[in-house]
PDB file of all heavy atoms in Angstrom:
ATOM      1  N   GLY A   1      33.151 -26.235  44.397  1.00  0.00           N
ATOM      2  CA  GLY A   1      34.147 -25.846  45.406  1.00  0.00           C
ATOM      3  C   GLY A   1      33.594 -25.054  46.546  1.00  0.00           C
ATOM      4  O   GLY A   1      34.351 -24.478  47.354  1.00  0.00           O
ATOM      5  N   ARG A   2      32.292 -25.007  46.722  1.00  0.00           N
ATOM      6  CA  ARG A   2      31.679 -24.207  47.811  1.00  0.00           C
ATOM      7  C   ARG A   2      30.776 -25.052  48.663  1.00  0.00           C
ATOM      8  O   ARG A   2      29.706 -24.600  49.094  1.00  0.00           O
ATOM      9  CB  ARG A   2      30.882 -23.054  47.205  1.00  0.00           C
ATOM     10  CG  ARG A   2      31.612 -22.041  46.328  1.00  0.00           C
ATOM     11  CD  ARG A   2      32.899 -21.530  46.865  1.00  0.00           C
ATOM     12  NE  ARG A   2      33.022 -20.388  47.690  1.00  0.00           N
ATOM     13  CZ  ARG A   2      32.697 -19.155  47.435  1.00  0.00           C
ATOM     14  NH1 ARG A   2      32.015 -18.836  46.380  1.00  0.00           N
ATOM     15  NH2 ARG A   2      32.943 -18.178  48.305  1.00  0.00           N
ATOM     16  N   LYS A   3      31.174 -26.274  48.982  1.00  0.00           N
ATOM     17  CA  LYS A   3      30.297 -27.175  49.763  1.00  0.00           C
ATOM     18  C   LYS A   3      29.922 -26.600  51.113  1.00  0.00           C
ATOM     19  O   LYS A   3      28.754 -26.647  51.486  1.00  0.00           O
ATOM     20  CB  LYS A   3      30.992 -28.567  49.951  1.00  0.00           C
ATOM     21  CG  LYS A   3      30.112 -29.491  50.769  1.00  0.00           C
ATOM     22  CD  LYS A   3      30.618 -30.918  50.721  1.00  0.00           C
ATOM     23  CE  LYS A   3      29.813 -31.866  51.568  1.00  0.00           C
ATOM     24  NZ  LYS A   3      28.397 -31.584  51.723  1.00  0.00           N
ATOM     25  N   ARG A   4      30.879 -26.065  51.860  1.00  0.00           N
ATOM     26  CA  ARG A   4      30.593 -25.536  53.195  1.00  0.00           C
ATOM     27  C   ARG A   4      29.559 -24.423  53.083  1.00  0.00           C
ATOM     28  O   ARG A   4      28.598 -24.416  53.853  1.00  0.00           O
ATOM     29  CB  ARG A   4      31.899 -25.040  53.854  1.00  0.00           C
ATOM     30  CG  ARG A   4      31.708 -24.504  55.239  1.00  0.00           C
ATOM     31  CD  ARG A   4      33.018 -24.126  55.894  1.00  0.00           C
ATOM     32  NE  ARG A   4      33.805 -23.203  55.096  1.00  0.00           N
ATOM     33  CZ  ARG A   4      33.803 -21.843  55.318  1.00  0.00           C
ATOM     34  NH1 ARG A   4      33.133 -21.341  56.261  1.00  0.00           N
ATOM     35  NH2 ARG A   4      34.515 -21.073  54.532  1.00  0.00           N
ATOM     36  N   GLU A   5      29.772 -23.503  52.155  1.00  0.00           N
ATOM     37  CA  GLU A   5      28.819 -22.387  52.013  1.00  0.00           C
ATOM     38  C   GLU A   5      27.462 -22.884  51.507  1.00  0.00           C
ATOM     39  O   GLU A   5      26.405 -22.432  51.972  1.00  0.00           O
ATOM     40  CB  GLU A   5      29.397 -21.353  51.031  1.00  0.00           C
ATOM     41  CG  GLU A   5      30.629 -20.646  51.531  1.00  0.00           C
ATOM     42  CD  GLU A   5      31.912 -21.330  51.103  1.00  0.00           C
ATOM     43  OE1 GLU A   5      31.902 -22.501  50.730  1.00  0.00           O
ATOM     44  OE2 GLU A   5      32.970 -20.654  51.158  1.00  0.00           O
ATOM     45  N   ALA A   6      27.496 -23.823  50.559  1.00  0.00           N
ATOM     46  CA  ALA A   6      26.230 -24.339  49.996  1.00  0.00           C
ATOM     47  C   ALA A   6      25.406 -25.066  51.098  1.00  0.00           C
ATOM     48  O   ALA A   6      24.189 -24.971  51.157  1.00  0.00           O
ATOM     49  CB  ALA A   6      26.519 -25.278  48.836  1.00  0.00           C
ATOM     50  N   ASP A   7      26.129 -25.815  51.951  1.00  0.00           N
ATOM     51  CA  ASP A   7      25.433 -26.520  53.053  1.00  0.00           C
ATOM     52  C   ASP A   7      24.796 -25.524  54.017  1.00  0.00           C
ATOM     53  O   ASP A   7      23.662 -25.737  54.462  1.00  0.00           O
ATOM     54  CB  ASP A   7      26.411 -27.441  53.796  1.00  0.00           C
ATOM     55  CG  ASP A   7      26.793 -28.662  53.020  1.00  0.00           C
ATOM     56  OD1 ASP A   7      26.202 -28.952  51.961  1.00  0.00           O
ATOM     57  OD2 ASP A   7      27.747 -29.359  53.447  1.00  0.00           O
ATOM     58  N   ALA A   8      25.491 -24.441  54.311  1.00  0.00           N
ATOM     59  CA  ALA A   8      24.936 -23.423  55.221  1.00  0.00           C
ATOM     60  C   ALA A   8      23.716 -22.739  54.590  1.00  0.00           C
ATOM     61  O   ALA A   8      22.728 -22.517  55.246  1.00  0.00           O
ATOM     62  CB  ALA A   8      25.991 -22.411  55.570  1.00  0.00           C
ATOM     63  N   ILE A   9      23.801 -22.466  53.297  1.00  0.00           N
ATOM     64  CA  ILE A   9      22.687 -21.856  52.595  1.00  0.00           C
ATOM     65  C   ILE A   9      21.504 -22.757  52.575  1.00  0.00           C
ATOM     66  O   ILE A   9      20.346 -22.324  52.710  1.00  0.00           O
ATOM     67  CB  ILE A   9      23.107 -21.406  51.162  1.00  0.00           C
ATOM     68  CG1 ILE A   9      24.036 -20.213  51.255  1.00  0.00           C
ATOM     69  CG2 ILE A   9      21.931 -21.120  50.285  1.00  0.00           C
ATOM     70  CD1 ILE A   9      24.728 -19.853  49.956  1.00  0.00           C
ATOM     71  N   ALA A  10      21.729 -24.056  52.421  1.00  0.00           N
ATOM     72  CA  ALA A  10      20.651 -25.027  52.317  1.00  0.00           C
ATOM     73  C   ALA A  10      19.818 -25.056  53.617  1.00  0.00           C
ATOM     74  O   ALA A  10      18.644 -25.386  53.624  1.00  0.00           O
ATOM     75  CB  ALA A  10      21.186 -26.410  52.007  1.00  0.00           C
ATOM     76  N   GLU A  11      20.445 -24.694  54.731  1.00  0.00           N
ATOM     77  CA  GLU A  11      19.736 -24.682  56.011  1.00  0.00           C
ATOM     78  C   GLU A  11      18.951 -23.391  56.268  1.00  0.00           C
ATOM     79  O   GLU A  11      18.091 -23.366  57.128  1.00  0.00           O
ATOM     80  CB  GLU A  11      20.759 -24.816  57.145  1.00  0.00           C
ATOM     81  CG  GLU A  11      21.489 -26.168  57.149  1.00  0.00           C
ATOM     82  CD  GLU A  11      22.574 -26.270  58.192  1.00  0.00           C
ATOM     83  OE1 GLU A  11      22.599 -25.399  59.110  1.00  0.00           O
ATOM     84  OE2 GLU A  11      23.375 -27.198  58.085  1.00  0.00           O
ATOM     85  N   LEU A  12      19.207 -22.345  55.488  1.00  0.00           N
ATOM     86  CA  LEU A  12      18.536 -21.048  55.746  1.00  0.00           C
ATOM     87  C   LEU A  12      17.006 -21.080  55.675  1.00  0.00           C
ATOM     88  O   LEU A  12      16.358 -20.463  56.508  1.00  0.00           O
ATOM     89  CB  LEU A  12      19.064 -19.990  54.776  1.00  0.00           C
ATOM     90  CG  LEU A  12      20.502 -19.535  55.082  1.00  0.00           C
ATOM     91  CD1 LEU A  12      20.919 -18.523  54.019  1.00  0.00           C
ATOM     92  CD2 LEU A  12      20.614 -18.895  56.422  1.00  0.00           C
ATOM     93  N   PRO A  13      16.393 -21.788  54.732  1.00  0.00           N
ATOM     94  CA  PRO A  13      14.930 -21.759  54.630  1.00  0.00           C
ATOM     95  C   PRO A  13      14.201 -22.390  55.871  1.00  0.00           C
ATOM     96  O   PRO A  13      13.061 -22.087  56.084  1.00  0.00           O
ATOM     97  CB  PRO A  13      14.621 -22.578  53.355  1.00  0.00           C
ATOM     98  CG  PRO A  13      15.847 -22.468  52.549  1.00  0.00           C
ATOM     99  CD  PRO A  13      16.980 -22.427  53.556  1.00  0.00           C
ATOM    100  N   ALA A  14      14.912 -23.149  56.667  1.00  0.00           N
ATOM    101  CA  ALA A  14      14.249 -23.766  57.828  1.00  0.00           C
ATOM    102  C   ALA A  14      13.722 -22.704  58.822  1.00  0.00           C
ATOM    103  O   ALA A  14      12.644 -22.857  59.374  1.00  0.00           O
ATOM    104  CB  ALA A  14      15.217 -24.714  58.528  1.00  0.00           C
ATOM    105  N   GLY A  15      14.485 -21.656  59.022  1.00  0.00           N
ATOM    106  CA  GLY A  15      14.082 -20.590  59.950  1.00  0.00           C
ATOM    107  C   GLY A  15      12.779 -19.947  59.528  1.00  0.00           C
ATOM    108  O   GLY A  15      11.808 -19.939  60.299  1.00  0.00           O
ATOM    109  N   PRO A  16      12.707 -19.355  58.310  1.00  0.00           N
ATOM    110  CA  PRO A  16      11.432 -18.747  57.905  1.00  0.00           C
ATOM    111  C   PRO A  16      10.275 -19.717  57.857  1.00  0.00           C
ATOM    112  O   PRO A  16       9.148 -19.338  58.164  1.00  0.00           O
ATOM    113  CB  PRO A  16      11.780 -18.189  56.512  1.00  0.00           C
ATOM    114  CG  PRO A  16      13.228 -17.939  56.562  1.00  0.00           C
ATOM    115  CD  PRO A  16      13.797 -19.052  57.403  1.00  0.00           C
ATOM    116  N   ARG A  17      10.513 -20.950  57.485  1.00  0.00           N
ATOM    117  CA  ARG A  17       9.411 -21.931  57.489  1.00  0.00           C
ATOM    118  C   ARG A  17       8.871 -22.169  58.873  1.00  0.00           C
ATOM    119  O   ARG A  17       7.743 -22.527  59.066  1.00  0.00           O
ATOM    120  CB  ARG A  17       9.886 -23.225  56.824  1.00  0.00           C
ATOM    121  CG  ARG A  17      10.134 -23.081  55.317  1.00  0.00           C
ATOM    122  CD  ARG A  17      10.299 -24.422  54.644  1.00  0.00           C
ATOM    123  NE  ARG A  17      10.752 -24.288  53.312  1.00  0.00           N
ATOM    124  CZ  ARG A  17      10.053 -23.888  52.258  1.00  0.00           C
ATOM    125  NH1 ARG A  17       8.802 -23.558  52.420  1.00  0.00           N
ATOM    126  NH2 ARG A  17      10.581 -23.797  51.059  1.00  0.00           N
ATOM    127  N   ALA A  18       9.728 -21.936  59.894  1.00  0.00           N
ATOM    128  CA  ALA A  18       9.315 -22.123  61.282  1.00  0.00           C
ATOM    129  C   ALA A  18       8.848 -20.783  61.893  1.00  0.00           C
ATOM    130  O   ALA A  18       8.549 -20.706  63.040  1.00  0.00           O
ATOM    131  CB  ALA A  18      10.504 -22.650  62.126  1.00  0.00           C
ATOM    132  N   GLY A  19       8.797 -19.723  61.078  1.00  0.00           N
ATOM    133  CA  GLY A  19       8.281 -18.422  61.539  1.00  0.00           C
ATOM    134  C   GLY A  19       9.355 -17.423  61.968  1.00  0.00           C
ATOM    135  O   GLY A  19       9.012 -16.401  62.527  1.00  0.00           O
ATOM    136  N   THR A  20      10.598 -17.709  61.720  1.00  0.00           N
ATOM    137  CA  THR A  20      11.708 -16.793  62.058  1.00  0.00           C
ATOM    138  C   THR A  20      12.246 -16.179  60.786  1.00  0.00           C
ATOM    139  O   THR A  20      12.588 -16.919  59.836  1.00  0.00           O
ATOM    140  CB  THR A  20      12.813 -17.561  62.795  1.00  0.00           C
ATOM    141  OG1 THR A  20      12.280 -18.291  63.863  1.00  0.00           O
ATOM    142  CG2 THR A  20      13.863 -16.648  63.288  1.00  0.00           C
ATOM    143  N   SER A  21      12.398 -14.874  60.744  1.00  0.00           N
ATOM    144  CA  SER A  21      12.907 -14.255  59.559  1.00  0.00           C
ATOM    145  C   SER A  21      14.426 -14.468  59.418  1.00  0.00           C
ATOM    146  O   SER A  21      15.076 -14.757  60.432  1.00  0.00           O
ATOM    147  CB  SER A  21      12.594 -12.751  59.525  1.00  0.00           C
ATOM    148  OG  SER A  21      13.231 -12.105  60.582  1.00  0.00           O
ATOM    149  N   SER A  22      14.963 -14.283  58.237  1.00  0.00           N
ATOM    150  CA  SER A  22      16.413 -14.382  58.075  1.00  0.00           C
ATOM    151  C   SER A  22      16.813 -13.570  56.850  1.00  0.00           C
ATOM    152  O   SER A  22      15.994 -13.133  56.048  1.00  0.00           O
ATOM    153  CB  SER A  22      16.813 -15.864  57.886  1.00  0.00           C
ATOM    154  OG  SER A  22      16.358 -16.363  56.671  1.00  0.00           O
ATOM    155  N   SER A  23      18.121 -13.413  56.722  1.00  0.00           N
ATOM    156  CA  SER A  23      18.683 -12.724  55.555  1.00  0.00           C
ATOM    157  C   SER A  23      20.055 -13.347  55.261  1.00  0.00           C
ATOM    158  O   SER A  23      20.644 -14.006  56.081  1.00  0.00           O
ATOM    159  CB  SER A  23      18.800 -11.234  55.839  1.00  0.00           C
ATOM    160  OG  SER A  23      19.702 -10.976  56.889  1.00  0.00           O
ATOM    161  N   LEU A  24      20.495 -13.107  54.050  1.00  0.00           N
ATOM    162  CA  LEU A  24      21.782 -13.598  53.581  1.00  0.00           C
ATOM    163  C   LEU A  24      22.525 -12.449  52.972  1.00  0.00           C
ATOM    164  O   LEU A  24      21.963 -11.787  52.037  1.00  0.00           O
ATOM    165  CB  LEU A  24      21.595 -14.750  52.579  1.00  0.00           C
ATOM    166  CG  LEU A  24      22.837 -15.263  51.894  1.00  0.00           C
ATOM    167  CD1 LEU A  24      23.799 -15.890  52.895  1.00  0.00           C
ATOM    168  CD2 LEU A  24      22.460 -16.246  50.787  1.00  0.00           C
ATOM    169  N   VAL A  25      23.687 -12.159  53.427  1.00  0.00           N
ATOM    170  CA  VAL A  25      24.528 -11.123  52.851  1.00  0.00           C
ATOM    171  C   VAL A  25      25.826 -11.787  52.448  1.00  0.00           C
ATOM    172  O   VAL A  25      26.489 -12.440  53.273  1.00  0.00           O
ATOM    173  CB  VAL A  25      24.807  -9.978  53.844  1.00  0.00           C
ATOM    174  CG1 VAL A  25      25.740  -8.943  53.253  1.00  0.00           C
ATOM    175  CG2 VAL A  25      23.495  -9.336  54.269  1.00  0.00           C
ATOM    176  N   LEU A  26      26.236 -11.583  51.217  1.00  0.00           N
ATOM    177  CA  LEU A  26      27.516 -12.113  50.745  1.00  0.00           C
ATOM    178  C   LEU A  26      28.413 -10.945  50.396  1.00  0.00           C
ATOM    179  O   LEU A  26      27.969  -9.996  49.757  1.00  0.00           O
ATOM    180  CB  LEU A  26      27.301 -12.988  49.485  1.00  0.00           C
ATOM    181  CG  LEU A  26      26.427 -14.200  49.657  1.00  0.00           C
ATOM    182  CD1 LEU A  26      26.225 -14.916  48.310  1.00  0.00           C
ATOM    183  CD2 LEU A  26      27.015 -15.183  50.650  1.00  0.00           C
ATOM    184  N   ARG A  27      29.663 -11.038  50.773  1.00  0.00           N
ATOM    185  CA  ARG A  27      30.616 -10.014  50.364  1.00  0.00           C
ATOM    186  C   ARG A  27      31.920 -10.684  49.968  1.00  0.00           C
ATOM    187  O   ARG A  27      32.242 -11.788  50.446  1.00  0.00           O
ATOM    188  CB  ARG A  27      30.819  -8.970  51.433  1.00  0.00           C
ATOM    189  CG  ARG A  27      31.464  -9.476  52.716  1.00  0.00           C
ATOM    190  CD  ARG A  27      31.655  -8.353  53.719  1.00  0.00           C
ATOM    191  NE  ARG A  27      33.048  -7.993  53.684  1.00  0.00           N
ATOM    192  CZ  ARG A  27      33.650  -7.365  54.653  1.00  0.00           C
ATOM    193  NH1 ARG A  27      32.990  -7.008  55.730  1.00  0.00           N
ATOM    194  NH2 ARG A  27      34.930  -7.060  54.578  1.00  0.00           N
ATOM    195  N   GLY A  28      32.650 -10.048  49.114  1.00  0.00           N
ATOM    196  CA  GLY A  28      33.909 -10.587  48.666  1.00  0.00           C
ATOM    197  C   GLY A  28      34.356  -9.938  47.371  1.00  0.00           C
ATOM    198  O   GLY A  28      33.663  -9.147  46.776  1.00  0.00           O
ATOM    199  N   GLU A  29      35.572 -10.298  46.961  1.00  0.00           N
ATOM    200  CA  GLU A  29      36.126  -9.747  45.741  1.00  0.00           C
ATOM    201  C   GLU A  29      35.321 -10.198  44.510  1.00  0.00           C
ATOM    202  O   GLU A  29      34.710 -11.229  44.535  1.00  0.00           O
ATOM    203  CB  GLU A  29      37.582 -10.211  45.617  1.00  0.00           C
ATOM    204  CG  GLU A  29      38.505  -9.719  46.717  1.00  0.00           C
ATOM    205  CD  GLU A  29      38.611  -8.227  46.754  1.00  0.00           C
ATOM    206  OE1 GLU A  29      38.711  -7.573  45.683  1.00  0.00           O
ATOM    207  OE2 GLU A  29      38.591  -7.655  47.881  1.00  0.00           O
ATOM    208  N   PRO A  30      35.387  -9.402  43.416  1.00  0.00           N
ATOM    209  CA  PRO A  30      34.716  -9.776  42.195  1.00  0.00           C
ATOM    210  C   PRO A  30      35.261 -11.150  41.680  1.00  0.00           C
ATOM    211  O   PRO A  30      36.451 -11.415  41.793  1.00  0.00           O
ATOM    212  CB  PRO A  30      35.104  -8.652  41.219  1.00  0.00           C
ATOM    213  CG  PRO A  30      35.451  -7.510  42.100  1.00  0.00           C
ATOM    214  CD  PRO A  30      36.064  -8.075  43.335  1.00  0.00           C
ATOM    215  N   GLY A  31      34.356 -11.985  41.185  1.00  0.00           N
ATOM    216  CA  GLY A  31      34.755 -13.187  40.551  1.00  0.00           C
ATOM    217  C   GLY A  31      34.930 -14.393  41.476  1.00  0.00           C
ATOM    218  O   GLY A  31      35.376 -15.433  41.030  1.00  0.00           O
ATOM    219  N   ILE A  32      34.562 -14.275  42.753  1.00  0.00           N
ATOM    220  CA  ILE A  32      34.781 -15.430  43.667  1.00  0.00           C
ATOM    221  C   ILE A  32      33.548 -16.347  43.783  1.00  0.00           C
ATOM    222  O   ILE A  32      33.602 -17.334  44.520  1.00  0.00           O
ATOM    223  CB  ILE A  32      35.200 -14.972  45.091  1.00  0.00           C
ATOM    224  CG1 ILE A  32      34.108 -14.152  45.742  1.00  0.00           C
ATOM    225  CG2 ILE A  32      36.515 -14.212  45.027  1.00  0.00           C
ATOM    226  CD1 ILE A  32      34.369 -13.964  47.266  1.00  0.00           C
ATOM    227  N   GLY A  33      32.480 -16.012  43.087  1.00  0.00           N
ATOM    228  CA  GLY A  33      31.337 -16.910  43.068  1.00  0.00           C
ATOM    229  C   GLY A  33      30.118 -16.481  43.876  1.00  0.00           C
ATOM    230  O   GLY A  33      29.279 -17.290  44.235  1.00  0.00           O
ATOM    231  N   LYS A  34      30.032 -15.180  44.211  1.00  0.00           N
ATOM    232  CA  LYS A  34      28.900 -14.719  45.018  1.00  0.00           C
ATOM    233  C   LYS A  34      27.592 -14.922  44.255  1.00  0.00           C
ATOM    234  O   LYS A  34      26.594 -15.344  44.869  1.00  0.00           O
ATOM    235  CB  LYS A  34      29.081 -13.243  45.363  1.00  0.00           C
ATOM    236  CG  LYS A  34      30.271 -12.971  46.293  1.00  0.00           C
ATOM    237  CD  LYS A  34      30.428 -11.512  46.622  1.00  0.00           C
ATOM    238  CE  LYS A  34      30.632 -10.612  45.421  1.00  0.00           C
ATOM    239  NZ  LYS A  34      31.908 -10.772  44.677  1.00  0.00           N
ATOM    240  N   THR A  35      27.545 -14.645  42.980  1.00  0.00           N
ATOM    241  CA  THR A  35      26.343 -14.806  42.223  1.00  0.00           C
ATOM    242  C   THR A  35      25.918 -16.249  42.171  1.00  0.00           C
ATOM    243  O   THR A  35      24.734 -16.594  42.312  1.00  0.00           O
ATOM    244  CB  THR A  35      26.486 -14.225  40.805  1.00  0.00           C
ATOM    245  OG1 THR A  35      26.804 -12.841  40.899  1.00  0.00           O
ATOM    246  CG2 THR A  35      25.220 -14.407  39.955  1.00  0.00           C
ATOM    247  N   ALA A  36      26.863 -17.169  42.019  1.00  0.00           N
ATOM    248  CA  ALA A  36      26.524 -18.603  42.017  1.00  0.00           C
ATOM    249  C   ALA A  36      25.939 -19.006  43.341  1.00  0.00           C
ATOM    250  O   ALA A  36      24.961 -19.779  43.413  1.00  0.00           O
ATOM    251  CB  ALA A  36      27.762 -19.437  41.706  1.00  0.00           C
ATOM    252  N   LEU A  37      26.453 -18.477  44.461  1.00  0.00           N
ATOM    253  CA  LEU A  37      25.895 -18.780  45.761  1.00  0.00           C
ATOM    254  C   LEU A  37      24.492 -18.205  45.929  1.00  0.00           C
ATOM    255  O   LEU A  37      23.615 -18.833  46.523  1.00  0.00           O
ATOM    256  CB  LEU A  37      26.833 -18.281  46.876  1.00  0.00           C
ATOM    257  CG  LEU A  37      28.122 -19.064  47.078  1.00  0.00           C
ATOM    258  CD1 LEU A  37      29.059 -18.330  48.016  1.00  0.00           C
ATOM    259  CD2 LEU A  37      27.801 -20.472  47.591  1.00  0.00           C
ATOM    260  N   LEU A  38      24.284 -16.987  45.395  1.00  0.00           N
ATOM    261  CA  LEU A  38      22.931 -16.405  45.446  1.00  0.00           C
ATOM    262  C   LEU A  38      21.969 -17.218  44.615  1.00  0.00           C
ATOM    263  O   LEU A  38      20.822 -17.418  45.018  1.00  0.00           O
ATOM    264  CB  LEU A  38      22.949 -14.966  44.964  1.00  0.00           C
ATOM    265  CG  LEU A  38      23.604 -13.975  45.922  1.00  0.00           C
ATOM    266  CD1 LEU A  38      23.731 -12.617  45.270  1.00  0.00           C
ATOM    267  CD2 LEU A  38      22.825 -13.875  47.194  1.00  0.00           C
ATOM    268  N   ASP A  39      22.378 -17.696  43.460  1.00  0.00           N
ATOM    269  CA  ASP A  39      21.538 -18.563  42.632  1.00  0.00           C
ATOM    270  C   ASP A  39      21.193 -19.839  43.432  1.00  0.00           C
ATOM    271  O   ASP A  39      20.055 -20.327  43.366  1.00  0.00           O
ATOM    272  CB  ASP A  39      22.190 -18.933  41.319  1.00  0.00           C
ATOM    273  CG  ASP A  39      22.321 -17.718  40.358  1.00  0.00           C
ATOM    274  OD1 ASP A  39      21.596 -16.702  40.561  1.00  0.00           O
ATOM    275  OD2 ASP A  39      23.109 -17.808  39.423  1.00  0.00           O
TER     276      ASP A  39
END
């Protein structure tokens, strides 16, 4: 149920591989799947 978020996360490694740093911060209520997105 997190296709949009998963697609955005899948694009994140492209920046650092090209020499640009990046970070990912997730926030939200407990139990909404933040840990699954981090995995």
